[in-house]
PDB file of N, CA and C in Angstrom:
ATOM      1  N   MET A   1       0.773  -1.204  -0.122  1.00  0.00           N
ATOM      2  CA  MET A   1      -0.116  -0.006   0.166  1.00  0.00           C
ATOM      3  C   MET A   1       0.845   1.359   0.144  1.00  0.00           C
ATOM      4  N   ASN A   2       1.878   1.238   0.991  1.00  0.00           N
ATOM      5  CA  ASN A   2       3.118   2.388   0.884  1.00  0.00           C
ATOM      6  C   ASN A   2       3.547   2.443  -0.467  1.00  0.00           C
ATOM      7  N   ASN A   3       3.726   1.877  -0.957  1.00  0.00           N
ATOM      8  CA  ASN A   3       4.583   1.715  -2.342  1.00  0.00           C
ATOM      9  C   ASN A   3       3.745   2.441  -3.420  1.00  0.00           C
ATOM     10  N   GLU A   4       2.555   2.006  -3.071  1.00  0.00           N
ATOM     11  CA  GLU A   4       1.583   2.326  -4.487  1.00  0.00           C
ATOM     12  C   GLU A   4       1.363   4.464  -4.137  1.00  0.00           C
ATOM     13  N   ILE A   5       1.585   4.669  -2.953  1.00  0.00           N
ATOM     14  CA  ILE A   5       1.316   6.222  -2.541  1.00  0.00           C
ATOM     15  C   ILE A   5       2.708   6.718  -3.160  1.00  0.00           C
ATOM     16  N   ASN A   6       3.590   6.220  -3.405  1.00  0.00           N
ATOM     17  CA  ASN A   6       4.911   6.862  -3.557  1.00  0.00           C
ATOM     18  C   ASN A   6       5.320   7.120  -5.001  1.00  0.00           C
ATOM     19  N   LYS A   7       4.725   6.465  -5.788  1.00  0.00           N
ATOM     20  CA  LYS A   7       4.791   6.084  -7.525  1.00  0.00           C
ATOM     21  C   LYS A   7       4.410   7.372  -7.987  1.00  0.00           C
ATOM     22  N   PRO A   8       5.209   8.196  -8.703  1.00  0.00           N
ATOM     23  CA  PRO A   8       4.618   9.246  -9.255  1.00  0.00           C
ATOM     24  C   PRO A   8       3.747   9.019 -10.435  1.00  0.00           C
ATOM     25  N   PRO A   9       2.784   9.963 -10.793  1.00  0.00           N
ATOM     26  CA  PRO A   9       2.043   9.358 -11.618  1.00  0.00           C
ATOM     27  C   PRO A   9       2.264   8.859 -12.907  1.00  0.00           C
ATOM     28  N   ALA A  10       1.634   7.970 -13.743  1.00  0.00           N
ATOM     29  CA  ALA A  10       1.950   7.476 -14.897  1.00  0.00           C
ATOM     30  C   ALA A  10       1.846   8.815 -16.339  1.00  0.00           C
ATOM     31  N   LYS A  11       2.725   8.761 -17.017  1.00  0.00           N
ATOM     32  CA  LYS A  11       2.884   9.692 -17.766  1.00  0.00           C
ATOM     33  C   LYS A  11       1.939   9.311 -19.050  1.00  0.00           C
ATOM     34  N   THR A  12       0.878   9.534 -19.252  1.00  0.00           N
ATOM     35  CA  THR A  12       0.590   9.237 -20.635  1.00  0.00           C
ATOM     36  C   THR A  12       0.982   9.884 -21.855  1.00  0.00           C
ATOM     37  N   LYS A  13       0.811   9.384 -22.896  1.00  0.00           N
ATOM     38  CA  LYS A  13       1.233   9.787 -24.332  1.00  0.00           C
ATOM     39  C   LYS A  13       0.066  10.592 -24.717  1.00  0.00           C
ATOM     40  N   ARG A  14       0.189  12.173 -25.178  1.00  0.00           N
ATOM     41  CA  ARG A  14      -1.159  13.024 -25.543  1.00  0.00           C
ATOM     42  C   ARG A  14      -1.043  12.422 -26.974  1.00  0.00           C
ATOM     43  N   GLU A  15      -2.372  12.035 -27.361  1.00  0.00           N
ATOM     44  CA  GLU A  15      -2.969  11.448 -28.249  1.00  0.00           C
ATOM     45  C   GLU A  15      -3.530  12.542 -29.389  1.00  0.00           C
ATOM     46  N   VAL A  16      -2.571  12.846 -30.650  1.00  0.00           N
ATOM     47  CA  VAL A  16      -3.058  14.216 -31.486  1.00  0.00           C
ATOM     48  C   VAL A  16      -4.207  13.399 -32.550  1.00  0.00           C
ATOM     49  N   LYS A  17      -5.116  14.486 -32.134  1.00  0.00           N
ATOM     50  CA  LYS A  17      -6.386  14.166 -33.190  1.00  0.00           C
ATOM     51  C   LYS A  17      -6.690  15.492 -33.688  1.00  0.00           C
ATOM     52  N   GLY A  18      -7.338  15.116 -35.002  1.00  0.00           N
ATOM     53  CA  GLY A  18      -7.604  16.412 -35.998  1.00  0.00           C
ATOM     54  C   GLY A  18      -8.618  15.883 -36.855  1.00  0.00           C
ATOM     55  N   VAL A  19      -9.473  16.836 -37.492  1.00  0.00           N
ATOM     56  CA  VAL A  19     -10.403  16.381 -38.465  1.00  0.00           C
ATOM     57  C   VAL A  19      -9.660  15.570 -39.616  1.00  0.00           C
ATOM     58  N   VAL A  20      -8.690  16.234 -40.003  1.00  0.00           N
ATOM     59  CA  VAL A  20      -8.036  14.996 -41.143  1.00  0.00           C
ATOM     60  C   VAL A  20      -6.749  14.634 -40.192  1.00  0.00           C
ATOM     61  N   GLU A  21      -6.467  13.338 -40.523  1.00  0.00           N
ATOM     62  CA  GLU A  21      -5.448  12.782 -39.949  1.00  0.00           C
ATOM     63  C   GLU A  21      -3.783  13.549 -39.789  1.00  0.00           C
ATOM     64  N   PRO A  22      -3.537  13.649 -38.492  1.00  0.00           N
ATOM     65  CA  PRO A  22      -2.476  14.609 -38.402  1.00  0.00           C
ATOM     66  C   PRO A  22      -1.597  14.306 -39.020  1.00  0.00           C
ATOM     67  N   HIS A  23      -0.923  12.881 -38.742  1.00  0.00           N
ATOM     68  CA  HIS A  23       0.253  12.638 -39.815  1.00  0.00           C
ATOM     69  C   HIS A  23       0.229  12.568 -41.107  1.00  0.00           C
ATOM     70  N   LEU A  24      -0.806  12.231 -41.586  1.00  0.00           N
ATOM     71  CA  LEU A  24      -0.927  12.696 -43.166  1.00  0.00           C
ATOM     72  C   LEU A  24      -0.943  13.860 -43.493  1.00  0.00           C
ATOM     73  N   VAL A  25      -1.503  14.939 -42.695  1.00  0.00           N
ATOM     74  CA  VAL A  25      -1.739  16.597 -42.767  1.00  0.00           C
ATOM     75  C   VAL A  25       0.039  17.061 -42.526  1.00  0.00           C
ATOM     76  N   ARG A  26       0.677  16.429 -42.075  1.00  0.00           N
ATOM     77  CA  ARG A  26       2.219  16.898 -41.454  1.00  0.00           C
ATOM     78  C   ARG A  26       3.028  16.200 -42.702  1.00  0.00           C
ATOM     79  N   ILE A  27       2.714  14.927 -42.943  1.00  0.00           N
ATOM     80  CA  ILE A  27       3.306  14.407 -44.610  1.00  0.00           C
ATOM     81  C   ILE A  27       3.242  15.521 -45.441  1.00  0.00           C
ATOM     82  N   ILE A  28       1.936  15.497 -45.964  1.00  0.00           N
ATOM     83  CA  ILE A  28       1.488  16.667 -47.184  1.00  0.00           C
ATOM     84  C   ILE A  28       2.117  18.015 -47.135  1.00  0.00           C
ATOM     85  N   SER A  29       1.664  18.516 -45.976  1.00  0.00           N
ATOM     86  CA  SER A  29       2.507  19.726 -45.461  1.00  0.00           C
ATOM     87  C   SER A  29       4.080  19.874 -45.623  1.00  0.00           C
ATOM     88  N   PHE A  30       4.671  18.879 -45.273  1.00  0.00           N
ATOM     89  CA  PHE A  30       6.214  18.583 -45.557  1.00  0.00           C
ATOM     90  C   PHE A  30       6.160  18.693 -46.949  1.00  0.00           C
ATOM     91  N   VAL A  31       5.807  17.997 -47.562  1.00  0.00           N
ATOM     92  CA  VAL A  31       5.758  17.705 -49.480  1.00  0.00           C
ATOM     93  C   VAL A  31       5.629  18.909 -50.097  1.00  0.00           C
ATOM     94  N   ILE A  32       4.679  19.599 -49.876  1.00  0.00           N
ATOM     95  CA  ILE A  32       4.188  20.961 -50.347  1.00  0.00           C
ATOM     96  C   ILE A  32       5.416  22.131 -50.027  1.00  0.00           C
ATOM     97  N   ILE A  33       5.641  22.242 -48.771  1.00  0.00           N
ATOM     98  CA  ILE A  33       6.721  23.119 -48.663  1.00  0.00           C
ATOM     99  C   ILE A  33       8.257  22.648 -48.998  1.00  0.00           C
ATOM    100  N   THR A  34       8.580  21.525 -49.262  1.00  0.00           N
ATOM    101  CA  THR A  34       9.825  21.055 -49.633  1.00  0.00           C
ATOM    102  C   THR A  34       9.640  21.272 -51.239  1.00  0.00           C
ATOM    103  N   PHE A  35       8.643  21.016 -51.883  1.00  0.00           N
ATOM    104  CA  PHE A  35       8.807  21.537 -53.351  1.00  0.00           C
ATOM    105  C   PHE A  35       8.522  22.798 -53.789  1.00  0.00           C
ATOM    106  N   SER A  36       7.889  23.649 -53.123  1.00  0.00           N
ATOM    107  CA  SER A  36       7.944  24.917 -53.369  1.00  0.00           C
ATOM    108  C   SER A  36       9.376  25.505 -52.807  1.00  0.00           C
ATOM    109  N   LEU A  37       9.958  25.113 -51.866  1.00  0.00           N
ATOM    110  CA  LEU A  37      11.567  25.670 -51.563  1.00  0.00           C
ATOM    111  C   LEU A  37      12.339  25.424 -53.158  1.00  0.00           C
ATOM    112  N   ALA A  38      12.192  23.946 -53.329  1.00  0.00           N
ATOM    113  CA  ALA A  38      13.225  23.325 -54.542  1.00  0.00           C
ATOM    114  C   ALA A  38      12.916  24.425 -55.762  1.00  0.00           C
ATOM    115  N   ALA A  39      11.711  24.550 -55.776  1.00  0.00           N
ATOM    116  CA  ALA A  39      11.121  25.696 -57.004  1.00  0.00           C
ATOM    117  C   ALA A  39      11.712  26.567 -57.202  1.00  0.00           C
ATOM    118  N   CYS A  40      11.780  27.320 -55.665  1.00  0.00           N
ATOM    119  CA  CYS A  40      12.613  28.995 -55.787  1.00  0.00           C
ATOM    120  C   CYS A  40      13.856  28.388 -55.790  1.00  0.00           C
ATOM    121  N   THR A  41      14.492  27.887 -54.945  1.00  0.00           N
ATOM    122  CA  THR A  41      15.959  27.398 -55.514  1.00  0.00           C
ATOM    123  C   THR A  41      16.149  27.606 -56.806  1.00  0.00           C
ATOM    124  N   VAL A  42      15.782  26.754 -57.685  1.00  0.00           N
ATOM    125  CA  VAL A  42      16.044  26.640 -58.892  1.00  0.00           C
ATOM    126  C   VAL A  42      15.635  27.885 -59.349  1.00  0.00           C
ATOM    127  N   LEU A  43      14.615  28.789 -59.433  1.00  0.00           N
ATOM    128  CA  LEU A  43      14.556  29.912 -59.780  1.00  0.00           C
ATOM    129  C   LEU A  43      15.380  30.795 -59.615  1.00  0.00           C
ATOM    130  N   CYS A  44      15.887  30.928 -58.193  1.00  0.00           N
ATOM    131  CA  CYS A  44      17.007  32.083 -57.812  1.00  0.00           C
ATOM    132  C   CYS A  44      18.251  31.559 -58.703  1.00  0.00           C
ATOM    133  N   ILE A  45      18.715  30.287 -58.726  1.00  0.00           N
ATOM    134  CA  ILE A  45      19.947  30.081 -59.249  1.00  0.00           C
ATOM    135  C   ILE A  45      19.702  30.351 -60.667  1.00  0.00           C
ATOM    136  N   LEU A  46      18.423  30.115 -61.356  1.00  0.00           N
ATOM    137  CA  LEU A  46      18.184  30.786 -62.858  1.00  0.00           C
ATOM    138  C   LEU A  46      18.702  32.100 -63.305  1.00  0.00           C
ATOM    139  N   ALA A  47      17.820  33.009 -61.910  1.00  0.00           N
ATOM    140  CA  ALA A  47      18.258  34.626 -61.992  1.00  0.00           C
ATOM    141  C   ALA A  47      19.858  34.715 -61.964  1.00  0.00           C
ATOM    142  N   ILE A  48      20.239  34.001 -60.878  1.00  0.00           N
ATOM    143  CA  ILE A  48      21.613  34.390 -61.060  1.00  0.00           C
ATOM    144  C   ILE A  48      22.223  34.397 -61.931  1.00  0.00           C
ATOM    145  N   TRP A  49      22.365  33.565 -62.755  1.00  0.00           N
ATOM    146  CA  TRP A  49      22.919  33.270 -64.151  1.00  0.00           C
ATOM    147  C   TRP A  49      22.105  34.192 -65.112  1.00  0.00           C
ATOM    148  N   GLN A  50      20.903  34.782 -65.089  1.00  0.00           N
ATOM    149  CA  GLN A  50      20.602  35.902 -65.729  1.00  0.00           C
ATOM    150  C   GLN A  50      19.700  35.212 -67.087  1.00  0.00           C
ATOM    151  N   PHE A  51      19.349  33.794 -66.699  1.00  0.00           N
ATOM    152  CA  PHE A  51      18.507  32.891 -67.551  1.00  0.00           C
ATOM    153  C   PHE A  51      16.698  33.393 -66.960  1.00  0.00           C
ATOM    154  N   THR A  52      16.526  34.003 -66.208  1.00  0.00           N
ATOM    155  CA  THR A  52      15.114  34.268 -65.941  1.00  0.00           C
ATOM    156  C   THR A  52      15.065  35.692 -65.421  1.00  0.00           C
ATOM    157  N   GLU A  53      13.866  36.384 -65.031  1.00  0.00           N
ATOM    158  CA  GLU A  53      13.941  37.337 -64.631  1.00  0.00           C
ATOM    159  C   GLU A  53      13.887  37.965 -63.240  1.00  0.00           C
ATOM    160  N   SER A  54      14.418  38.871 -62.504  1.00  0.00           N
ATOM    161  CA  SER A  54      14.405  38.856 -61.206  1.00  0.00           C
ATOM    162  C   SER A  54      12.901  39.145 -60.711  1.00  0.00           C
ATOM    163  N   ASP A  55      12.119  39.268 -61.814  1.00  0.00           N
ATOM    164  CA  ASP A  55      10.621  39.618 -61.069  1.00  0.00           C
ATOM    165  C   ASP A  55      10.053  38.443 -60.679  1.00  0.00           C
ATOM    166  N   ALA A  56      10.362  37.496 -61.475  1.00  0.00           N
ATOM    167  CA  ALA A  56       9.972  36.038 -61.438  1.00  0.00           C
ATOM    168  C   ALA A  56      10.323  35.522 -59.810  1.00  0.00           C
ATOM    169  N   VAL A  57      11.550  35.887 -59.638  1.00  0.00           N
ATOM    170  CA  VAL A  57      12.109  35.231 -58.334  1.00  0.00           C
ATOM    171  C   VAL A  57      11.318  35.924 -56.989  1.00  0.00           C
ATOM    172  N   TRP A  58      10.881  37.215 -57.086  1.00  0.00           N
ATOM    173  CA  TRP A  58      10.327  37.972 -55.758  1.00  0.00           C
ATOM    174  C   TRP A  58       8.995  37.041 -56.034  1.00  0.00           C
ATOM    175  N   ARG A  59       8.338  37.159 -56.982  1.00  0.00           N
ATOM    176  CA  ARG A  59       7.156  36.493 -57.076  1.00  0.00           C
ATOM    177  C   ARG A  59       6.880  35.021 -56.477  1.00  0.00           C
ATOM    178  N   ALA A  60       8.153  33.963 -56.599  1.00  0.00           N
ATOM    179  CA  ALA A  60       7.991  32.687 -56.369  1.00  0.00           C
ATOM    180  C   ALA A  60       8.416  32.791 -54.907  1.00  0.00           C
ATOM    181  N   VAL A  61       9.494  33.574 -54.605  1.00  0.00           N
ATOM    182  CA  VAL A  61       9.414  33.859 -53.139  1.00  0.00           C
ATOM    183  C   VAL A  61       8.697  34.140 -52.027  1.00  0.00           C
ATOM    184  N   ALA A  62       7.807  35.150 -52.468  1.00  0.00           N
ATOM    185  CA  ALA A  62       6.560  35.393 -52.130  1.00  0.00           C
ATOM    186  C   ALA A  62       5.398  34.221 -51.882  1.00  0.00           C
ATOM    187  N   THR A  63       5.277  33.707 -53.009  1.00  0.00           N
ATOM    188  CA  THR A  63       4.403  32.465 -53.107  1.00  0.00           C
ATOM    189  C   THR A  63       5.077  31.505 -52.368  1.00  0.00           C
ATOM    190  N   PHE A  64       6.027  30.971 -52.212  1.00  0.00           N
ATOM    191  CA  PHE A  64       6.548  30.256 -51.415  1.00  0.00           C
ATOM    192  C   PHE A  64       6.288  30.348 -49.693  1.00  0.00           C
ATOM    193  N   ILE A  65       6.395  31.986 -49.358  1.00  0.00           N
ATOM    194  CA  ILE A  65       6.282  32.532 -48.149  1.00  0.00           C
ATOM    195  C   ILE A  65       4.414  32.091 -47.601  1.00  0.00           C
ATOM    196  N   VAL A  66       4.008  32.299 -48.571  1.00  0.00           N
ATOM    197  CA  VAL A  66       2.721  32.372 -48.260  1.00  0.00           C
ATOM    198  C   VAL A  66       2.050  31.129 -48.447  1.00  0.00           C
ATOM    199  N   VAL A  67       2.703  30.262 -49.278  1.00  0.00           N
ATOM    200  CA  VAL A  67       2.371  28.403 -49.283  1.00  0.00           C
ATOM    201  C   VAL A  67       2.430  28.145 -47.865  1.00  0.00           C
ATOM    202  N   SER A  68       4.013  28.223 -47.212  1.00  0.00           N
ATOM    203  CA  SER A  68       4.605  27.514 -45.893  1.00  0.00           C
ATOM    204  C   SER A  68       3.857  28.263 -44.971  1.00  0.00           C
ATOM    205  N   VAL A  69       3.081  29.432 -44.972  1.00  0.00           N
ATOM    206  CA  VAL A  69       2.471  30.232 -43.735  1.00  0.00           C
ATOM    207  C   VAL A  69       0.975  29.285 -43.969  1.00  0.00           C
ATOM    208  N   ALA A  70       0.467  29.235 -44.923  1.00  0.00           N
ATOM    209  CA  ALA A  70      -0.866  28.663 -44.877  1.00  0.00           C
ATOM    210  C   ALA A  70      -0.978  26.908 -44.684  1.00  0.00           C
ATOM    211  N   THR A  71       0.155  26.111 -45.130  1.00  0.00           N
ATOM    212  CA  THR A  71       0.109  25.198 -44.691  1.00  0.00           C
ATOM    213  C   THR A  71       0.769  24.799 -43.106  1.00  0.00           C
ATOM    214  N   GLY A  72       1.257  25.801 -42.858  1.00  0.00           N
ATOM    215  CA  GLY A  72       1.666  25.608 -41.359  1.00  0.00           C
ATOM    216  C   GLY A  72       0.412  25.855 -40.447  1.00  0.00           C
ATOM    217  N   ILE A  73      -0.312  27.104 -40.851  1.00  0.00           N
ATOM    218  CA  ILE A  73      -1.513  27.280 -39.889  1.00  0.00           C
ATOM    219  C   ILE A  73      -2.425  26.173 -40.186  1.00  0.00           C
ATOM    220  N   PHE A  74      -2.496  25.575 -41.174  1.00  0.00           N
ATOM    221  CA  PHE A  74      -3.425  24.573 -41.404  1.00  0.00           C
ATOM    222  C   PHE A  74      -3.285  23.251 -40.648  1.00  0.00           C
ATOM    223  N   THR A  75      -2.091  23.069 -40.701  1.00  0.00           N
ATOM    224  CA  THR A  75      -1.687  21.864 -39.709  1.00  0.00           C
ATOM    225  C   THR A  75      -1.928  22.367 -38.170  1.00  0.00           C
ATOM    226  N   PHE A  76      -1.774  23.340 -37.759  1.00  0.00           N
ATOM    227  CA  PHE A  76      -1.539  23.828 -36.221  1.00  0.00           C
ATOM    228  C   PHE A  76      -3.332  23.373 -35.966  1.00  0.00           C
ATOM    229  N   VAL A  77      -3.870  24.297 -36.946  1.00  0.00           N
ATOM    230  CA  VAL A  77      -5.364  24.168 -36.503  1.00  0.00           C
ATOM    231  C   VAL A  77      -6.007  22.551 -36.583  1.00  0.00           C
ATOM    232  N   ASN A  78      -5.735  21.955 -37.283  1.00  0.00           N
ATOM    233  CA  ASN A  78      -6.131  20.605 -37.404  1.00  0.00           C
ATOM    234  C   ASN A  78      -5.624  20.054 -36.171  1.00  0.00           C
ATOM    235  N   GLU A  79      -4.725  20.073 -36.144  1.00  0.00           N
ATOM    236  CA  GLU A  79      -3.968  19.341 -34.591  1.00  0.00           C
ATOM    237  C   GLU A  79      -4.837  20.010 -33.335  1.00  0.00           C
ATOM    238  N   LYS A  80      -4.877  21.477 -33.419  1.00  0.00           N
ATOM    239  CA  LYS A  80      -5.698  22.260 -32.016  1.00  0.00           C
ATOM    240  C   LYS A  80      -6.958  21.998 -32.081  1.00  0.00           C
ATOM    241  N   LEU A  81      -7.871  22.052 -33.136  1.00  0.00           N
ATOM    242  CA  LEU A  81      -8.997  22.234 -32.941  1.00  0.00           C
ATOM    243  C   LEU A  81      -9.994  20.542 -33.413  1.00  0.00           C
ATOM    244  N   GLY A  82      -9.037  19.843 -34.045  1.00  0.00           N
ATOM    245  CA  GLY A  82      -9.704  18.164 -34.214  1.00  0.00           C
ATOM    246  C   GLY A  82     -10.148  17.543 -33.264  1.00  0.00           C
TER     247      GLY A  82
END
């Protein structure tokens, strides 16, 4: 009996729930952000070598930021409100 009183409470693993399966959402978010980053990198390299306009690079970087923030917010909201 005394042994049971002195035991620390068992830590339970927090189960992450979501409207959409959180693991799937994280994988899709990772793929989207990785693809966007790769595309922006290619455009930046092309702009350095003057194969494309610098205006396209700034638009690509802005698009990358918007897509990254949107997927991050969706992942966060899915896990917190789901």
